[in-house]
C-alpha cells in the first residue's frame, strides 16, 4: 500500500463513520497500521496501530485524533437532508470509480438514502438499478454484469447532473 493509498483509506473510513456507518475497532487499528507502514506520520498514529485487543475501546478516539493530526477529519453537513445528499454523492462516486460494488452501492442508496429523502427523482435511476440487481433472475436474459454496468452509468449520470447543478448555484 502506498502512502496515498493509506491516506485514502483513512479518509474513506472517516466518511463512513461520519455518515453513521459502523466501523469496527479492529478495522480502525488495521488502517492505522497500514498507514504507519506506508510512511504516514502523526503523533497518535503509532499509538493507534499498536493497540492490543484489550485496548480496542480506545481505537475510535485515537482514530479521530489521527484524522485531525493528518487533516483528514470529515464533518458531514449539519442539516440531515444535506447530509443524506452528501452521502448519496459519496456512494455514487464510489460506484462510478469502481471502489464499491454497484449492487452494494445502489442498495445503500435505495435503502438508506433515497428512502430518507422521500425517493427524489434524482435518485430514481439508482433506485431502479438497486431493485433490478436485488431481484435479478437468470431467466431475464441479461447478465448481472450488464445490470452492474447500468448502475455504474447511472451513478456517473447522477454525479454529472449534480456537478452541473452545483455550478449553476
N, C-alpha and C. Protein backbone atom coordinates (compact mmCIF):
# COMPACT_ATOMS: atom_id res chain seq x y z
N UNK A 1 0.85 -1.17 0.00
CA UNK A 1 0.00 0.00 0.00
C UNK A 1 0.90 1.24 0.00
N UNK A 2 0.58 2.19 -0.87
CA UNK A 2 1.35 3.42 -0.94
C UNK A 2 0.87 4.40 0.15
N UNK A 3 1.65 5.44 0.35
CA UNK A 3 1.30 6.49 1.30
C UNK A 3 -0.06 7.09 0.93
N UNK A 4 -0.24 7.41 -0.36
CA UNK A 4 -1.51 7.99 -0.82
C UNK A 4 -2.68 7.03 -0.62
N UNK A 5 -2.45 5.74 -0.90
CA UNK A 5 -3.50 4.73 -0.68
C UNK A 5 -3.90 4.67 0.78
N UNK A 6 -2.91 4.74 1.66
CA UNK A 6 -3.19 4.67 3.10
C UNK A 6 -4.00 5.89 3.55
N UNK A 7 -3.64 7.07 3.05
CA UNK A 7 -4.40 8.27 3.41
C UNK A 7 -5.81 8.21 2.84
N UNK A 8 -5.94 7.66 1.63
CA UNK A 8 -7.26 7.50 1.03
C UNK A 8 -8.12 6.55 1.87
N UNK A 9 -7.50 5.47 2.36
CA UNK A 9 -8.23 4.52 3.20
C UNK A 9 -8.69 5.19 4.49
N UNK A 10 -7.82 5.97 5.13
CA UNK A 10 -8.19 6.68 6.35
C UNK A 10 -9.34 7.65 6.07
N UNK A 11 -9.26 8.37 4.96
CA UNK A 11 -10.30 9.33 4.59
C UNK A 11 -11.63 8.61 4.32
N UNK A 12 -11.54 7.47 3.65
CA UNK A 12 -12.74 6.68 3.36
C UNK A 12 -13.42 6.24 4.66
N UNK A 13 -12.64 5.73 5.58
CA UNK A 13 -13.20 5.27 6.85
C UNK A 13 -13.77 6.46 7.63
N UNK A 14 -13.11 7.61 7.54
CA UNK A 14 -13.62 8.80 8.21
C UNK A 14 -15.01 9.15 7.70
N UNK A 15 -15.20 9.07 6.39
CA UNK A 15 -16.51 9.37 5.81
C UNK A 15 -17.55 8.32 6.21
N UNK A 16 -17.16 7.06 6.17
CA UNK A 16 -18.07 6.00 6.61
C UNK A 16 -18.60 6.29 8.01
N UNK A 17 -17.69 6.60 8.91
CA UNK A 17 -18.07 6.86 10.30
C UNK A 17 -18.90 8.13 10.41
N UNK A 18 -18.52 9.18 9.67
CA UNK A 18 -19.25 10.44 9.72
C UNK A 18 -20.68 10.29 9.22
N UNK A 19 -20.87 9.37 8.26
CA UNK A 19 -22.21 9.14 7.72
C UNK A 19 -22.98 8.08 8.52
N UNK A 20 -22.45 7.72 9.70
CA UNK A 20 -23.18 6.84 10.60
C UNK A 20 -23.00 5.36 10.36
N UNK A 21 -22.09 4.98 9.50
CA UNK A 21 -21.82 3.55 9.26
C UNK A 21 -20.94 3.03 10.38
N UNK A 22 -21.19 1.81 10.83
CA UNK A 22 -20.36 1.22 11.89
C UNK A 22 -19.04 0.73 11.30
N UNK A 23 -17.96 1.10 11.92
CA UNK A 23 -16.63 0.61 11.55
C UNK A 23 -16.02 0.06 12.82
N UNK A 24 -15.70 -1.22 12.81
CA UNK A 24 -15.16 -1.87 14.00
C UNK A 24 -13.77 -1.36 14.37
N UNK A 25 -13.46 -1.46 15.65
CA UNK A 25 -12.16 -1.02 16.16
C UNK A 25 -11.02 -1.76 15.49
N UNK A 26 -11.24 -3.05 15.18
CA UNK A 26 -10.19 -3.82 14.52
C UNK A 26 -9.83 -3.20 13.16
N UNK A 27 -10.82 -2.71 12.46
CA UNK A 27 -10.58 -2.08 11.15
C UNK A 27 -9.87 -0.73 11.31
N UNK A 28 -10.22 0.01 12.35
CA UNK A 28 -9.56 1.29 12.62
C UNK A 28 -8.08 1.07 12.93
N UNK A 29 -7.80 0.06 13.75
CA UNK A 29 -6.42 -0.26 14.12
C UNK A 29 -5.65 -0.72 12.89
N UNK A 30 -6.25 -1.57 12.07
CA UNK A 30 -5.58 -2.06 10.86
C UNK A 30 -5.29 -0.90 9.90
N UNK A 31 -6.23 0.02 9.75
CA UNK A 31 -6.00 1.18 8.89
C UNK A 31 -4.84 2.02 9.42
N UNK A 32 -4.76 2.15 10.74
CA UNK A 32 -3.64 2.86 11.34
C UNK A 32 -2.32 2.16 11.07
N UNK A 33 -2.32 0.85 11.21
CA UNK A 33 -1.11 0.06 10.93
C UNK A 33 -0.71 0.18 9.47
N UNK A 34 -1.69 0.08 8.57
CA UNK A 34 -1.41 0.23 7.13
C UNK A 34 -0.78 1.59 6.84
N UNK A 35 -1.35 2.64 7.45
CA UNK A 35 -0.84 3.99 7.22
C UNK A 35 0.57 4.14 7.78
N UNK A 36 0.82 3.59 8.94
CA UNK A 36 2.14 3.67 9.55
C UNK A 36 3.18 2.97 8.68
N UNK A 37 2.86 1.78 8.21
CA UNK A 37 3.77 1.01 7.36
C UNK A 37 4.01 1.73 6.04
N UNK A 38 2.98 2.44 5.55
CA UNK A 38 3.09 3.16 4.27
C UNK A 38 3.84 4.49 4.41
N UNK A 39 4.23 4.84 5.63
CA UNK A 39 5.02 6.05 5.82
C UNK A 39 4.27 7.27 6.28
N UNK A 40 2.98 7.12 6.60
CA UNK A 40 2.24 8.26 7.14
C UNK A 40 2.75 8.52 8.55
N UNK A 41 2.66 9.77 8.98
CA UNK A 41 3.21 10.11 10.28
C UNK A 41 2.31 11.12 10.98
N UNK A 42 1.96 10.78 12.19
CA UNK A 42 1.25 11.70 13.08
C UNK A 42 1.56 11.24 14.50
N UNK A 43 1.47 12.14 15.47
CA UNK A 43 1.81 11.76 16.84
C UNK A 43 1.00 10.58 17.39
N UNK A 44 -0.23 10.43 16.98
CA UNK A 44 -1.10 9.38 17.55
C UNK A 44 -1.15 8.12 16.70
N UNK A 45 -0.58 8.15 15.51
CA UNK A 45 -0.70 7.01 14.59
C UNK A 45 -0.08 5.74 15.15
N UNK A 46 1.11 5.83 15.71
CA UNK A 46 1.76 4.63 16.26
C UNK A 46 0.97 4.08 17.44
N UNK A 47 0.37 4.98 18.23
CA UNK A 47 -0.45 4.50 19.36
C UNK A 47 -1.66 3.73 18.85
N UNK A 48 -2.32 4.25 17.80
CA UNK A 48 -3.48 3.56 17.22
C UNK A 48 -3.06 2.21 16.65
N UNK A 49 -1.99 2.22 15.86
CA UNK A 49 -1.54 0.99 15.19
C UNK A 49 -1.09 -0.08 16.18
N UNK A 50 -0.66 0.34 17.36
CA UNK A 50 -0.12 -0.61 18.33
C UNK A 50 -1.10 -1.07 19.40
N UNK A 51 -2.37 -0.71 19.25
CA UNK A 51 -3.36 -1.12 20.27
C UNK A 51 -3.53 -2.64 20.30
N UNK A 52 -3.61 -3.17 21.50
CA UNK A 52 -3.89 -4.59 21.69
C UNK A 52 -5.39 -4.81 21.68
N UNK A 53 -5.81 -6.05 21.55
CA UNK A 53 -7.23 -6.38 21.54
C UNK A 53 -7.94 -5.82 22.79
N UNK A 54 -7.29 -5.91 23.92
CA UNK A 54 -7.90 -5.42 25.17
C UNK A 54 -8.03 -3.90 25.19
N UNK A 55 -7.32 -3.22 24.28
CA UNK A 55 -7.36 -1.75 24.21
C UNK A 55 -8.25 -1.24 23.07
N UNK A 56 -8.95 -2.14 22.39
CA UNK A 56 -9.78 -1.75 21.25
C UNK A 56 -10.78 -0.63 21.55
N UNK A 57 -11.36 -0.54 22.76
CA UNK A 57 -12.29 0.56 23.02
C UNK A 57 -11.66 1.95 22.85
N UNK A 58 -10.34 2.04 22.90
CA UNK A 58 -9.64 3.32 22.72
C UNK A 58 -9.51 3.70 21.24
N UNK A 59 -9.73 2.76 20.34
CA UNK A 59 -9.46 2.97 18.91
C UNK A 59 -10.26 4.12 18.29
N UNK A 60 -11.58 4.23 18.52
CA UNK A 60 -12.31 5.33 17.87
C UNK A 60 -11.77 6.72 18.20
N UNK A 61 -11.49 6.97 19.47
CA UNK A 61 -10.97 8.29 19.86
C UNK A 61 -9.58 8.52 19.27
N UNK A 62 -8.73 7.50 19.30
CA UNK A 62 -7.40 7.64 18.71
C UNK A 62 -7.48 7.83 17.20
N UNK A 63 -8.40 7.11 16.56
CA UNK A 63 -8.58 7.25 15.11
C UNK A 63 -8.96 8.69 14.77
N UNK A 64 -9.90 9.26 15.51
CA UNK A 64 -10.30 10.65 15.28
C UNK A 64 -9.12 11.60 15.49
N UNK A 65 -8.31 11.30 16.49
CA UNK A 65 -7.13 12.13 16.75
C UNK A 65 -6.16 12.06 15.57
N UNK A 66 -5.95 10.87 15.05
CA UNK A 66 -5.07 10.70 13.88
C UNK A 66 -5.63 11.48 12.69
N UNK A 67 -6.94 11.38 12.46
CA UNK A 67 -7.56 12.11 11.35
C UNK A 67 -7.32 13.62 11.50
N UNK A 68 -7.50 14.10 12.70
CA UNK A 68 -7.29 15.53 12.94
C UNK A 68 -5.84 15.92 12.68
N UNK A 69 -4.91 15.11 13.17
CA UNK A 69 -3.49 15.40 13.00
C UNK A 69 -3.08 15.38 11.53
N UNK A 70 -3.72 14.53 10.75
CA UNK A 70 -3.39 14.42 9.32
C UNK A 70 -4.24 15.33 8.44
N UNK A 71 -5.17 16.06 9.05
CA UNK A 71 -6.04 16.96 8.30
C UNK A 71 -7.09 16.23 7.48
N UNK A 72 -7.51 15.06 7.95
CA UNK A 72 -8.47 14.22 7.22
C UNK A 72 -9.83 14.15 7.88
N UNK A 73 -10.02 14.85 8.97
CA UNK A 73 -11.29 14.80 9.67
C UNK A 73 -12.40 15.31 8.75
N UNK A 74 -13.50 14.59 8.72
CA UNK A 74 -14.63 14.95 7.84
C UNK A 74 -15.87 15.16 8.68
N UNK A 75 -16.54 16.27 8.45
CA UNK A 75 -17.81 16.55 9.11
C UNK A 75 -18.88 16.68 8.04
N UNK A 76 -19.89 15.81 8.06
CA UNK A 76 -20.97 15.96 7.09
C UNK A 76 -21.78 17.22 7.41
N UNK A 77 -22.57 17.67 6.45
CA UNK A 77 -23.42 18.84 6.73
C UNK A 77 -24.29 18.59 7.96
N UNK A 78 -24.53 19.65 8.71
CA UNK A 78 -25.33 19.55 9.94
C UNK A 78 -26.79 19.24 9.63
N UNK A 79 -27.30 19.77 8.52
CA UNK A 79 -28.68 19.51 8.13
C UNK A 79 -28.81 18.05 7.70
N UNK A 80 -29.74 17.30 8.31
CA UNK A 80 -29.88 15.87 7.98
C UNK A 80 -30.13 15.59 6.49
N UNK A 81 -30.94 16.41 5.83
CA UNK A 81 -31.20 16.20 4.40
C UNK A 81 -29.93 16.44 3.58
N UNK A 82 -29.23 17.51 3.91
CA UNK A 82 -27.98 17.81 3.20
C UNK A 82 -26.95 16.71 3.44
N UNK A 83 -26.94 16.15 4.64
CA UNK A 83 -26.01 15.05 4.94
C UNK A 83 -26.35 13.81 4.11
N UNK A 84 -27.66 13.53 3.94
CA UNK A 84 -28.06 12.38 3.12
C UNK A 84 -27.66 12.60 1.66
N UNK A 85 -27.84 13.83 1.16
CA UNK A 85 -27.42 14.13 -0.22
C UNK A 85 -25.91 13.99 -0.36
N UNK A 86 -25.16 14.46 0.64
CA UNK A 86 -23.70 14.32 0.59
C UNK A 86 -23.30 12.85 0.57
N UNK A 87 -24.02 12.04 1.35
CA UNK A 87 -23.75 10.60 1.36
C UNK A 87 -24.08 9.98 0.00
N UNK A 88 -25.17 10.43 -0.61
CA UNK A 88 -25.55 9.91 -1.93
C UNK A 88 -24.44 10.18 -2.95
N UNK A 89 -23.90 11.39 -2.93
CA UNK A 89 -22.81 11.72 -3.86
C UNK A 89 -21.56 10.91 -3.56
N UNK A 90 -21.28 10.71 -2.29
CA UNK A 90 -20.10 9.92 -1.90
C UNK A 90 -20.24 8.47 -2.37
N UNK A 91 -21.41 7.87 -2.12
CA UNK A 91 -21.64 6.48 -2.53
C UNK A 91 -21.63 6.37 -4.06
N UNK A 92 -22.29 7.30 -4.74
CA UNK A 92 -22.30 7.27 -6.21
C UNK A 92 -20.89 7.41 -6.76
N UNK A 93 -20.08 8.23 -6.12
CA UNK A 93 -18.69 8.38 -6.56
C UNK A 93 -17.91 7.08 -6.45
N UNK A 94 -18.17 6.32 -5.39
CA UNK A 94 -17.51 5.02 -5.22
C UNK A 94 -17.99 4.01 -6.24
N UNK A 95 -19.29 4.05 -6.57
CA UNK A 95 -19.81 3.16 -7.60
C UNK A 95 -19.15 3.51 -8.93
N UNK A 96 -19.11 4.80 -9.24
CA UNK A 96 -18.57 5.26 -10.52
C UNK A 96 -17.08 4.96 -10.68
N UNK A 97 -16.32 5.06 -9.59
CA UNK A 97 -14.87 4.83 -9.72
C UNK A 97 -14.47 3.38 -9.48
N UNK A 98 -15.46 2.52 -9.20
CA UNK A 98 -15.18 1.09 -9.08
C UNK A 98 -14.71 0.64 -7.70
N UNK A 99 -14.73 1.52 -6.71
CA UNK A 99 -14.29 1.11 -5.38
C UNK A 99 -15.40 0.48 -4.54
N UNK A 100 -16.64 0.56 -5.04
CA UNK A 100 -17.77 -0.06 -4.35
C UNK A 100 -18.58 -0.86 -5.36
N UNK A 101 -18.89 -2.10 -5.01
CA UNK A 101 -19.70 -2.94 -5.88
C UNK A 101 -21.02 -2.23 -6.17
N UNK A 102 -21.41 -2.14 -7.44
CA UNK A 102 -22.65 -1.44 -7.79
C UNK A 102 -23.89 -1.99 -7.09
N UNK A 103 -23.96 -3.28 -6.87
CA UNK A 103 -25.13 -3.85 -6.19
C UNK A 103 -25.19 -3.37 -4.74
N UNK A 104 -24.06 -3.34 -4.09
CA UNK A 104 -23.99 -2.88 -2.70
C UNK A 104 -24.30 -1.39 -2.63
N UNK A 105 -23.68 -0.62 -3.52
CA UNK A 105 -23.85 0.83 -3.50
C UNK A 105 -25.27 1.27 -3.82
N UNK A 106 -25.86 0.68 -4.86
CA UNK A 106 -27.23 1.09 -5.20
C UNK A 106 -28.22 0.65 -4.12
N UNK A 107 -27.95 -0.49 -3.49
CA UNK A 107 -28.81 -0.91 -2.38
C UNK A 107 -28.71 0.09 -1.23
N UNK A 108 -27.51 0.53 -0.93
CA UNK A 108 -27.31 1.52 0.12
C UNK A 108 -28.05 2.82 -0.20
N UNK A 109 -27.94 3.25 -1.46
CA UNK A 109 -28.64 4.48 -1.87
C UNK A 109 -30.15 4.28 -1.76
N UNK A 110 -30.64 3.16 -2.22
CA UNK A 110 -32.08 2.90 -2.19
C UNK A 110 -32.62 2.77 -0.77
N UNK A 111 -31.98 1.95 0.03
CA UNK A 111 -32.49 1.63 1.36
C UNK A 111 -32.21 2.70 2.41
N UNK A 112 -31.03 3.29 2.36
CA UNK A 112 -30.63 4.20 3.43
C UNK A 112 -30.72 5.67 3.07
N UNK A 113 -30.68 5.99 1.80
CA UNK A 113 -30.62 7.40 1.42
C UNK A 113 -31.91 7.84 0.75
N UNK A 114 -32.28 7.20 -0.35
CA UNK A 114 -33.48 7.60 -1.09
C UNK A 114 -34.71 7.51 -0.20
N UNK A 115 -34.80 6.47 0.58
CA UNK A 115 -35.94 6.30 1.49
C UNK A 115 -36.06 7.51 2.42
N UNK A 116 -34.93 7.88 3.04
CA UNK A 116 -34.93 9.00 3.98
C UNK A 116 -35.26 10.33 3.31
N UNK A 117 -34.94 10.44 2.01
CA UNK A 117 -35.19 11.68 1.27
C UNK A 117 -36.55 11.68 0.56
N UNK A 118 -37.31 10.62 0.74
CA UNK A 118 -38.63 10.53 0.10
C UNK A 118 -38.55 10.13 -1.37
N UNK A 119 -37.55 9.37 -1.74
CA UNK A 119 -37.35 8.90 -3.11
C UNK A 119 -37.39 10.03 -4.14
N UNK A 120 -36.43 10.95 -4.08
CA UNK A 120 -36.40 12.05 -5.05
C UNK A 120 -36.11 11.55 -6.46
N UNK A 121 -36.58 12.30 -7.44
CA UNK A 121 -36.44 11.91 -8.84
C UNK A 121 -34.97 11.76 -9.25
N UNK A 122 -34.09 12.54 -8.65
CA UNK A 122 -32.66 12.47 -9.00
C UNK A 122 -32.06 11.10 -8.70
N UNK A 123 -32.62 10.41 -7.72
CA UNK A 123 -32.10 9.10 -7.32
C UNK A 123 -32.83 7.93 -7.97
N UNK A 124 -33.90 8.21 -8.72
CA UNK A 124 -34.70 7.14 -9.32
C UNK A 124 -33.88 6.13 -10.14
N UNK A 125 -32.97 6.59 -11.02
CA UNK A 125 -32.21 5.60 -11.80
C UNK A 125 -31.38 4.66 -10.92
N UNK A 126 -30.81 5.18 -9.85
CA UNK A 126 -30.02 4.35 -8.95
C UNK A 126 -30.90 3.41 -8.14
N UNK A 127 -32.07 3.88 -7.74
CA UNK A 127 -33.03 3.03 -7.02
C UNK A 127 -33.52 1.91 -7.94
N UNK A 128 -33.80 2.26 -9.19
CA UNK A 128 -34.23 1.26 -10.17
C UNK A 128 -33.15 0.19 -10.34
N UNK A 129 -31.90 0.62 -10.44
CA UNK A 129 -30.79 -0.34 -10.57
C UNK A 129 -30.71 -1.24 -9.34
N UNK A 130 -30.93 -0.66 -8.16
CA UNK A 130 -30.89 -1.46 -6.93
C UNK A 130 -31.95 -2.55 -6.97
N UNK A 131 -33.16 -2.18 -7.37
CA UNK A 131 -34.25 -3.16 -7.42
C UNK A 131 -33.95 -4.23 -8.48
N UNK A 132 -33.43 -3.83 -9.62
CA UNK A 132 -33.10 -4.80 -10.67
C UNK A 132 -32.03 -5.77 -10.19
N UNK A 133 -31.01 -5.25 -9.52
CA UNK A 133 -29.94 -6.11 -9.04
C UNK A 133 -30.41 -7.01 -7.89
N UNK A 134 -31.28 -6.48 -7.03
CA UNK A 134 -31.79 -7.29 -5.91
C UNK A 134 -32.68 -8.43 -6.39
N UNK A 135 -33.44 -8.18 -7.46
CA UNK A 135 -34.44 -9.15 -7.91
C UNK A 135 -34.00 -9.97 -9.13
N UNK A 136 -32.78 -9.77 -9.62
CA UNK A 136 -32.34 -10.38 -10.86
C UNK A 136 -32.51 -11.89 -10.85
N UNK A 137 -32.98 -12.39 -11.98
CA UNK A 137 -33.10 -13.83 -12.18
C UNK A 137 -32.48 -14.17 -13.53
N UNK A 138 -31.92 -15.34 -13.62
CA UNK A 138 -31.26 -15.79 -14.84
C UNK A 138 -32.21 -15.78 -16.04
N UNK A 139 -33.47 -16.03 -15.80
CA UNK A 139 -34.46 -16.11 -16.88
C UNK A 139 -34.69 -14.76 -17.57
N UNK A 140 -34.19 -13.66 -17.00
CA UNK A 140 -34.39 -12.34 -17.59
C UNK A 140 -33.64 -12.17 -18.90
N UNK A 141 -32.62 -12.97 -19.13
CA UNK A 141 -31.88 -12.88 -20.38
C UNK A 141 -30.63 -12.02 -20.31
N UNK A 142 -30.61 -11.03 -19.47
CA UNK A 142 -29.41 -10.21 -19.30
C UNK A 142 -28.57 -10.73 -18.15
N UNK A 143 -27.34 -10.27 -18.08
CA UNK A 143 -26.46 -10.74 -17.01
C UNK A 143 -26.42 -9.72 -15.86
N UNK A 144 -25.98 -10.19 -14.73
CA UNK A 144 -25.79 -9.32 -13.57
C UNK A 144 -24.74 -8.26 -13.91
N UNK A 145 -23.72 -8.67 -14.65
CA UNK A 145 -22.66 -7.72 -15.02
C UNK A 145 -23.21 -6.57 -15.86
N UNK A 146 -24.17 -6.86 -16.74
CA UNK A 146 -24.79 -5.79 -17.53
C UNK A 146 -25.56 -4.83 -16.61
N UNK A 147 -26.27 -5.40 -15.64
CA UNK A 147 -27.01 -4.56 -14.70
C UNK A 147 -26.05 -3.71 -13.86
N UNK A 148 -24.93 -4.30 -13.48
CA UNK A 148 -23.94 -3.54 -12.72
C UNK A 148 -23.36 -2.42 -13.58
N UNK A 149 -23.16 -2.69 -14.86
CA UNK A 149 -22.70 -1.65 -15.78
C UNK A 149 -23.69 -0.50 -15.88
N UNK A 150 -24.98 -0.84 -15.91
CA UNK A 150 -26.02 0.19 -15.94
C UNK A 150 -25.99 1.01 -14.65
N UNK A 151 -25.73 0.35 -13.53
CA UNK A 151 -25.65 1.06 -12.25
C UNK A 151 -24.47 2.03 -12.23
N UNK A 152 -23.34 1.61 -12.79
CA UNK A 152 -22.17 2.49 -12.88
C UNK A 152 -22.51 3.71 -13.73
N UNK A 153 -23.17 3.49 -14.86
CA UNK A 153 -23.57 4.61 -15.72
C UNK A 153 -24.57 5.53 -15.02
N UNK A 154 -25.51 4.95 -14.29
CA UNK A 154 -26.49 5.76 -13.54
C UNK A 154 -25.78 6.61 -12.49
N UNK A 155 -24.77 6.03 -11.83
CA UNK A 155 -24.00 6.78 -10.83
C UNK A 155 -23.25 7.93 -11.49
N UNK A 156 -22.64 7.67 -12.64
CA UNK A 156 -21.91 8.73 -13.36
C UNK A 156 -22.85 9.84 -13.80
N UNK A 157 -24.04 9.47 -14.28
CA UNK A 157 -25.03 10.47 -14.69
C UNK A 157 -25.47 11.31 -13.50
N UNK A 158 -25.73 10.66 -12.38
CA UNK A 158 -26.13 11.36 -11.17
C UNK A 158 -25.05 12.36 -10.76
N UNK A 159 -23.80 11.92 -10.79
CA UNK A 159 -22.70 12.79 -10.40
C UNK A 159 -22.55 13.96 -11.36
N UNK A 160 -22.69 13.71 -12.66
CA UNK A 160 -22.53 14.80 -13.63
C UNK A 160 -23.67 15.81 -13.52
N UNK A 161 -24.87 15.34 -13.25
CA UNK A 161 -26.00 16.26 -13.07
C UNK A 161 -25.82 17.07 -11.80
N UNK A 162 -25.29 16.42 -10.76
CA UNK A 162 -25.04 17.13 -9.51
C UNK A 162 -23.99 18.20 -9.67
N UNK A 163 -22.94 17.90 -10.43
CA UNK A 163 -21.88 18.87 -10.68
C UNK A 163 -22.41 20.05 -11.48
N UNK A 164 -23.28 19.77 -12.45
CA UNK A 164 -23.88 20.84 -13.26
C UNK A 164 -24.78 21.71 -12.40
N UNK A 165 -25.55 21.09 -11.51
CA UNK A 165 -26.45 21.85 -10.63
C UNK A 165 -25.65 22.73 -9.67
N UNK A 166 -24.53 22.18 -9.14
CA UNK A 166 -23.70 22.96 -8.23
C UNK A 166 -23.06 24.13 -8.95
N UNK A 167 -22.69 23.95 -10.21
CA UNK A 167 -22.07 25.02 -10.99
C UNK A 167 -23.07 26.16 -11.23
N UNK A 168 -24.36 25.81 -11.38
CA UNK A 168 -25.39 26.85 -11.58
C UNK A 168 -25.68 27.63 -10.31
N UNK A 169 -25.53 26.98 -9.14
CA UNK A 169 -25.87 27.63 -7.87
C UNK A 169 -24.87 28.70 -7.46
